[in-house]
Amino acid sequence: MTRKKVNLAFIMNDSARRATYKKRKKGLMKKMDELSTLCGIDACAIMYSPYEAQPEVWPNNSDAQRVLQQFKRMPEMQQSKKMVNQESFIKQRIAKVNEQLKKLIKENRGKEMTEVMHQCLAGNGTIANLTLHELDGVVDQTMKDIESRIESLKKGKAVVAPPPPLPQVNVGSSSSNTANDMMARSLGKRPMVWSWV
């Protein structure tokens, strides 16, 4: 049976709080001992609690003093190099998650635009909702992918089955507002050439 998730908040009941402290303190000391043994590092723990007159020290007073002296001898910049408080830790996590979110949004948008382009080439969609900048980005990325694939095939690194052929698109039209004209304008002077090796 799995242990139920504990709500990380101050325990209001005094006896439950005392029991949790004793149990968690024992677990923390065990983890400190495992970490020190497995990784061969110097470590110490000092805990003050309202339930005991003296602070709890692991592994013992002399070893803890030695580790603290070793820490104090380090330059101040090194001492605080990886230190974080709750606020700075949360800010770091938020920044990291925001970066991941931006990356995923960009990837999703690229996949959406590629899908729209393929639908347009197959005659099943429209590119009216895409800007010229977005179209240009899709075409550039597709050209890079094609060039990369050609290079890898030339070097004999990868042999990939070619995708199914797409129908030809007529980029010349009498109406200047058609989707094909928008695509042709976004390509500039680059010819629209689709080939699979």
C-alpha atoms as a PDB file:
ATOM      1  CA  MET A   1       0.000   0.000   0.000  1.00  0.00           C
ATOM      2  CA  THR A   2       1.424   3.384  -0.995  1.00  0.00           C
ATOM      3  CA  ARG A   3       1.888   6.134   1.557  1.00  0.00           C
ATOM      4  CA  LYS A   4      -0.673   8.916   1.208  1.00  0.00           C
ATOM      5  CA  LYS A   5       0.594  12.301   0.088  1.00  0.00           C
ATOM      6  CA  VAL A   6       1.379  14.638   2.970  1.00  0.00           C
ATOM      7  CA  ASN A   7       0.227  18.242   2.764  1.00  0.00           C
ATOM      8  CA  LEU A   8       3.369  20.376   3.187  1.00  0.00           C
ATOM      9  CA  ALA A   9       2.026  22.835   5.728  1.00  0.00           C
ATOM     10  CA  PHE A  10       2.531  23.528   9.427  1.00  0.00           C
ATOM     11  CA  ILE A  11       0.956  20.742  11.505  1.00  0.00           C
ATOM     12  CA  MET A  12      -1.457  22.392  13.939  1.00  0.00           C
ATOM     13  CA  ASN A  13      -1.874  19.390  16.267  1.00  0.00           C
ATOM     14  CA  ASP A  14       1.003  19.475  18.777  1.00  0.00           C
ATOM     15  CA  SER A  15       1.270  15.722  19.375  1.00  0.00           C
ATOM     16  CA  ALA A  16       1.113  14.941  15.629  1.00  0.00           C
ATOM     17  CA  ARG A  17       3.764  17.604  14.986  1.00  0.00           C
ATOM     18  CA  ARG A  18       6.059  16.118  17.660  1.00  0.00           C
ATOM     19  CA  ALA A  19       5.618  12.578  16.270  1.00  0.00           C
ATOM     20  CA  THR A  20       6.297  13.810  12.717  1.00  0.00           C
ATOM     21  CA  TYR A  21       9.430  15.627  13.892  1.00  0.00           C
ATOM     22  CA  LYS A  22      10.870  12.534  15.559  1.00  0.00           C
ATOM     23  CA  LYS A  23      10.097  10.313  12.573  1.00  0.00           C
ATOM     24  CA  ARG A  24      11.387  12.759   9.949  1.00  0.00           C
ATOM     25  CA  LYS A  25      14.496  13.609  12.007  1.00  0.00           C
ATOM     26  CA  LYS A  26      15.455   9.948  12.086  1.00  0.00           C
ATOM     27  CA  GLY A  27      14.911   9.699   8.297  1.00  0.00           C
ATOM     28  CA  LEU A  28      16.998  12.825   7.671  1.00  0.00           C
ATOM     29  CA  MET A  29      19.894  11.503   9.744  1.00  0.00           C
ATOM     30  CA  LYS A  30      19.772   8.203   7.845  1.00  0.00           C
ATOM     31  CA  LYS A  31      19.833  10.055   4.507  1.00  0.00           C
ATOM     32  CA  MET A  32      22.786  12.182   5.632  1.00  0.00           C
ATOM     33  CA  ASP A  33      24.703   9.029   6.595  1.00  0.00           C
ATOM     34  CA  GLU A  34      23.879   7.381   3.220  1.00  0.00           C
ATOM     35  CA  LEU A  35      24.889  10.490   1.265  1.00  0.00           C
ATOM     36  CA  SER A  36      28.171  10.816   3.127  1.00  0.00           C
ATOM     37  CA  THR A  37      29.017   7.120   2.690  1.00  0.00           C
ATOM     38  CA  LEU A  38      27.909   6.676  -0.935  1.00  0.00           C
ATOM     39  CA  CYS A  39      29.464   9.889  -2.247  1.00  0.00           C
ATOM     40  CA  GLY A  40      32.450  10.125   0.090  1.00  0.00           C
ATOM     41  CA  ILE A  41      31.677  13.688   1.154  1.00  0.00           C
ATOM     42  CA  ASP A  42      31.944  15.610   4.392  1.00  0.00           C
ATOM     43  CA  ALA A  43      28.502  16.545   5.685  1.00  0.00           C
ATOM     44  CA  CYS A  44      26.872  17.628   8.900  1.00  0.00           C
ATOM     45  CA  ALA A  45      23.403  18.473  10.150  1.00  0.00           C
ATOM     46  CA  ILE A  46      22.370  20.693  13.067  1.00  0.00           C
ATOM     47  CA  MET A  47      18.726  20.818  14.132  1.00  0.00           C
ATOM     48  CA  TYR A  48      17.156  23.010  16.780  1.00  0.00           C
ATOM     49  CA  SER A  49      13.733  22.035  18.054  1.00  0.00           C
ATOM     50  CA  PRO A  50      11.390  23.110  20.842  1.00  0.00           C
ATOM     51  CA  TYR A  51      11.232  19.494  22.018  1.00  0.00           C
ATOM     52  CA  GLU A  52      14.879  19.206  23.094  1.00  0.00           C
ATOM     53  CA  ALA A  53      17.079  21.478  25.201  1.00  0.00           C
ATOM     54  CA  GLN A  54      20.213  20.923  23.085  1.00  0.00           C
ATOM     55  CA  PRO A  55      20.413  20.969  19.268  1.00  0.00           C
ATOM     56  CA  GLU A  56      20.650  17.630  17.494  1.00  0.00           C
ATOM     57  CA  VAL A  57      24.036  17.317  15.737  1.00  0.00           C
ATOM     58  CA  TRP A  58      24.985  14.717  13.155  1.00  0.00           C
ATOM     59  CA  PRO A  59      27.377  12.849  13.078  1.00  0.00           C
ATOM     60  CA  ASN A  60      28.840  14.372  16.279  1.00  0.00           C
ATOM     61  CA  ASN A  61      29.985  17.765  17.607  1.00  0.00           C
ATOM     62  CA  SER A  62      33.659  17.466  16.607  1.00  0.00           C
ATOM     63  CA  ASP A  63      32.934  16.330  13.032  1.00  0.00           C
ATOM     64  CA  ALA A  64      30.297  19.018  12.585  1.00  0.00           C
ATOM     65  CA  GLN A  65      32.753  21.675  13.841  1.00  0.00           C
ATOM     66  CA  ARG A  66      35.387  20.409  11.387  1.00  0.00           C
ATOM     67  CA  VAL A  67      32.953  20.611   8.414  1.00  0.00           C
ATOM     68  CA  LEU A  68      31.812  24.112   9.435  1.00  0.00           C
ATOM     69  CA  GLN A  69      35.424  25.312   9.774  1.00  0.00           C
ATOM     70  CA  GLN A  70      36.190  23.889   6.342  1.00  0.00           C
ATOM     71  CA  PHE A  71      33.199  25.790   4.955  1.00  0.00           C
ATOM     72  CA  LYS A  72      34.224  29.052   6.648  1.00  0.00           C
ATOM     73  CA  ARG A  73      37.746  28.825   5.190  1.00  0.00           C
ATOM     74  CA  MET A  74      36.308  28.948   1.661  1.00  0.00           C
ATOM     75  CA  PRO A  75      36.172  32.354  -0.104  1.00  0.00           C
ATOM     76  CA  GLU A  76      32.871  34.160   0.420  1.00  0.00           C
ATOM     77  CA  MET A  77      31.962  33.928  -3.270  1.00  0.00           C
ATOM     78  CA  GLN A  78      32.302  30.146  -3.185  1.00  0.00           C
ATOM     79  CA  GLN A  79      30.322  29.888   0.031  1.00  0.00           C
ATOM     80  CA  SER A  80      27.272  31.546  -1.477  1.00  0.00           C
ATOM     81  CA  LYS A  81      27.731  30.213  -5.016  1.00  0.00           C
ATOM     82  CA  LYS A  82      24.914  27.661  -4.942  1.00  0.00           C
ATOM     83  CA  MET A  83      22.929  28.990  -2.011  1.00  0.00           C
ATOM     84  CA  VAL A  84      19.281  29.800  -2.637  1.00  0.00           C
ATOM     85  CA  ASN A  85      16.409  30.845  -0.469  1.00  0.00           C
ATOM     86  CA  GLN A  86      12.808  29.870  -1.148  1.00  0.00           C
ATOM     87  CA  GLU A  87      12.105  32.984  -3.219  1.00  0.00           C
ATOM     88  CA  SER A  88      15.166  32.699  -5.487  1.00  0.00           C
ATOM     89  CA  PHE A  89      14.597  28.947  -5.917  1.00  0.00           C
ATOM     90  CA  ILE A  90      11.004  29.543  -7.037  1.00  0.00           C
ATOM     91  CA  LYS A  91      12.139  32.327  -9.396  1.00  0.00           C
ATOM     92  CA  GLN A  92      14.710  29.986 -10.965  1.00  0.00           C
ATOM     93  CA  ARG A  93      12.072  27.275 -11.414  1.00  0.00           C
ATOM     94  CA  ILE A  94       9.597  29.761 -12.958  1.00  0.00           C
ATOM     95  CA  ALA A  95      12.241  31.051 -15.386  1.00  0.00           C
ATOM     96  CA  LYS A  96      13.174  27.488 -16.393  1.00  0.00           C
ATOM     97  CA  VAL A  97       9.545  26.463 -16.918  1.00  0.00           C
ATOM     98  CA  ASN A  98       8.876  29.644 -18.938  1.00  0.00           C
ATOM     99  CA  GLU A  99      11.810  28.832 -21.221  1.00  0.00           C
ATOM    100  CA  GLN A 100      10.492  25.300 -21.713  1.00  0.00           C
ATOM    101  CA  LEU A 101       7.029  26.706 -22.441  1.00  0.00           C
ATOM    102  CA  LYS A 102       8.376  29.144 -25.053  1.00  0.00           C
ATOM    103  CA  LYS A 103      10.298  26.331 -26.732  1.00  0.00           C
ATOM    104  CA  LEU A 104       7.231  24.084 -26.840  1.00  0.00           C
ATOM    105  CA  ILE A 105       5.022  26.889 -28.185  1.00  0.00           C
ATOM    106  CA  LYS A 106       7.560  27.557 -30.949  1.00  0.00           C
ATOM    107  CA  GLU A 107       7.783  23.850 -31.810  1.00  0.00           C
ATOM    108  CA  ASN A 108       3.989  23.489 -31.861  1.00  0.00           C
ATOM    109  CA  ARG A 109       3.567  26.564 -34.057  1.00  0.00           C
ATOM    110  CA  GLY A 110       6.161  25.225 -36.490  1.00  0.00           C
ATOM    111  CA  LYS A 111       4.383  21.858 -36.653  1.00  0.00           C
ATOM    112  CA  GLU A 112       1.022  23.575 -37.181  1.00  0.00           C
ATOM    113  CA  MET A 113       2.398  25.695 -40.027  1.00  0.00           C
ATOM    114  CA  THR A 114       4.049  22.685 -41.652  1.00  0.00           C
ATOM    115  CA  GLU A 115       0.762  20.800 -41.459  1.00  0.00           C
ATOM    116  CA  VAL A 116      -1.094  23.736 -43.035  1.00  0.00           C
ATOM    117  CA  MET A 117       1.495  23.930 -45.819  1.00  0.00           C
ATOM    118  CA  HIS A 118       1.154  20.225 -46.563  1.00  0.00           C
ATOM    119  CA  GLN A 119      -2.637  20.528 -46.607  1.00  0.00           C
ATOM    120  CA  CYS A 120      -2.376  23.473 -49.010  1.00  0.00           C
ATOM    121  CA  LEU A 121      -0.040  21.567 -51.299  1.00  0.00           C
ATOM    122  CA  ALA A 122      -2.483  18.652 -51.269  1.00  0.00           C
ATOM    123  CA  GLY A 123      -5.299  21.066 -52.156  1.00  0.00           C
ATOM    124  CA  ASN A 124      -7.170  20.601 -48.876  1.00  0.00           C
ATOM    125  CA  GLY A 125      -6.412  23.800 -46.992  1.00  0.00           C
ATOM    126  CA  THR A 126      -5.768  27.520 -47.052  1.00  0.00           C
ATOM    127  CA  ILE A 127      -2.879  29.653 -45.868  1.00  0.00           C
ATOM    128  CA  ALA A 128      -4.985  32.761 -45.382  1.00  0.00           C
ATOM    129  CA  ASN A 129      -4.457  32.621 -41.602  1.00  0.00           C
ATOM    130  CA  LEU A 130      -0.648  32.613 -41.857  1.00  0.00           C
ATOM    131  CA  THR A 131       1.462  35.748 -42.120  1.00  0.00           C
ATOM    132  CA  LEU A 132       4.171  36.122 -44.731  1.00  0.00           C
ATOM    133  CA  HIS A 133       6.782  35.965 -41.970  1.00  0.00           C
ATOM    134  CA  GLU A 134       5.379  32.625 -40.741  1.00  0.00           C
ATOM    135  CA  LEU A 135       5.257  31.233 -44.277  1.00  0.00           C
ATOM    136  CA  ASP A 136       8.819  32.323 -44.897  1.00  0.00           C
ATOM    137  CA  GLY A 137       9.917  30.602 -41.680  1.00  0.00           C
ATOM    138  CA  VAL A 138       8.212  27.346 -42.681  1.00  0.00           C
ATOM    139  CA  VAL A 139       9.757  27.409 -46.151  1.00  0.00           C
ATOM    140  CA  ASP A 140      13.222  28.190 -44.737  1.00  0.00           C
ATOM    141  CA  GLN A 141      12.987  25.352 -42.217  1.00  0.00           C
ATOM    142  CA  THR A 142      11.710  22.932 -44.871  1.00  0.00           C
ATOM    143  CA  MET A 143      14.571  23.870 -47.199  1.00  0.00           C
ATOM    144  CA  LYS A 144      17.088  23.335 -44.362  1.00  0.00           C
ATOM    145  CA  ASP A 145      15.551  19.937 -43.595  1.00  0.00           C
ATOM    146  CA  ILE A 146      15.713  18.930 -47.259  1.00  0.00           C
ATOM    147  CA  GLU A 147      19.334  20.082 -47.600  1.00  0.00           C
ATOM    148  CA  SER A 148      20.283  18.278 -44.399  1.00  0.00           C
ATOM    149  CA  ARG A 149      18.607  15.104 -45.626  1.00  0.00           C
ATOM    150  CA  ILE A 150      20.362  15.312 -48.993  1.00  0.00           C
ATOM    151  CA  GLU A 151      23.731  15.756 -47.253  1.00  0.00           C
ATOM    152  CA  SER A 152      23.143  12.793 -44.948  1.00  0.00           C
ATOM    153  CA  LEU A 153      22.077  10.628 -47.892  1.00  0.00           C
ATOM    154  CA  LYS A 154      25.177  11.664 -49.848  1.00  0.00           C
ATOM    155  CA  LYS A 155      27.359  10.649 -46.917  1.00  0.00           C
ATOM    156  CA  GLY A 156      25.461   7.367 -46.616  1.00  0.00           C
ATOM    157  CA  LYS A 157      24.452   8.075 -43.038  1.00  0.00           C
ATOM    158  CA  ALA A 158      20.733   7.554 -43.400  1.00  0.00           C
ATOM    159  CA  VAL A 159      18.444   5.879 -45.838  1.00  0.00           C
ATOM    160  CA  VAL A 160      14.904   7.005 -45.279  1.00  0.00           C
ATOM    161  CA  ALA A 161      11.892   6.077 -47.355  1.00  0.00           C
ATOM    162  CA  PRO A 162      10.705   9.095 -49.341  1.00  0.00           C
ATOM    163  CA  PRO A 163       7.421  10.708 -48.352  1.00  0.00           C
ATOM    164  CA  PRO A 164       4.470  10.278 -50.730  1.00  0.00           C
ATOM    165  CA  PRO A 165       4.561  12.687 -53.673  1.00  0.00           C
ATOM    166  CA  LEU A 166       2.501  15.840 -53.314  1.00  0.00           C
ATOM    167  CA  PRO A 167       0.421  17.323 -56.126  1.00  0.00           C
ATOM    168  CA  GLN A 168       1.922  20.229 -58.060  1.00  0.00           C
ATOM    169  CA  VAL A 169       0.827  23.696 -57.078  1.00  0.00           C
ATOM    170  CA  ASN A 170       0.194  26.429 -59.609  1.00  0.00           C
ATOM    171  CA  VAL A 171       1.810  29.520 -58.099  1.00  0.00           C
ATOM    172  CA  GLY A 172       0.907  31.750 -61.043  1.00  0.00           C
ATOM    173  CA  SER A 173      -2.626  33.170 -60.805  1.00  0.00           C
ATOM    174  CA  SER A 174      -4.467  36.101 -62.262  1.00  0.00           C
ATOM    175  CA  SER A 175      -5.823  37.170 -58.870  1.00  0.00           C
ATOM    176  CA  SER A 176      -3.224  38.838 -56.651  1.00  0.00           C
ATOM    177  CA  ASN A 177      -5.071  37.941 -53.445  1.00  0.00           C
ATOM    178  CA  THR A 178      -5.071  34.161 -53.799  1.00  0.00           C
ATOM    179  CA  ALA A 179      -3.315  31.914 -51.331  1.00  0.00           C
ATOM    180  CA  ASN A 180      -0.923  30.733 -54.046  1.00  0.00           C
ATOM    181  CA  ASP A 181       0.092  34.325 -54.843  1.00  0.00           C
ATOM    182  CA  MET A 182       0.720  34.996 -51.148  1.00  0.00           C
ATOM    183  CA  MET A 183       2.920  31.920 -50.992  1.00  0.00           C
ATOM    184  CA  ALA A 184       4.800  32.915 -54.135  1.00  0.00           C
ATOM    185  CA  ARG A 185       5.373  36.433 -52.777  1.00  0.00           C
ATOM    186  CA  SER A 186       6.609  35.062 -49.458  1.00  0.00           C
ATOM    187  CA  LEU A 187       9.165  32.958 -51.294  1.00  0.00           C
ATOM    188  CA  GLY A 188      10.599  36.009 -53.036  1.00  0.00           C
ATOM    189  CA  LYS A 189      12.892  34.989 -55.885  1.00  0.00           C
ATOM    190  CA  ARG A 190      13.326  31.451 -54.648  1.00  0.00           C
ATOM    191  CA  PRO A 191      11.730  28.911 -56.969  1.00  0.00           C
ATOM    192  CA  MET A 192       9.294  26.510 -55.372  1.00  0.00           C
ATOM    193  CA  VAL A 193      10.975  23.155 -55.927  1.00  0.00           C
ATOM    194  CA  TRP A 194       9.918  20.048 -54.053  1.00  0.00           C
ATOM    195  CA  SER A 195      12.043  16.977 -54.528  1.00  0.00           C
ATOM    196  CA  TRP A 196      12.663  13.834 -52.560  1.00  0.00           C
ATOM    197  CA  VAL A 197      15.774  11.786 -53.037  1.00  0.00           C
END
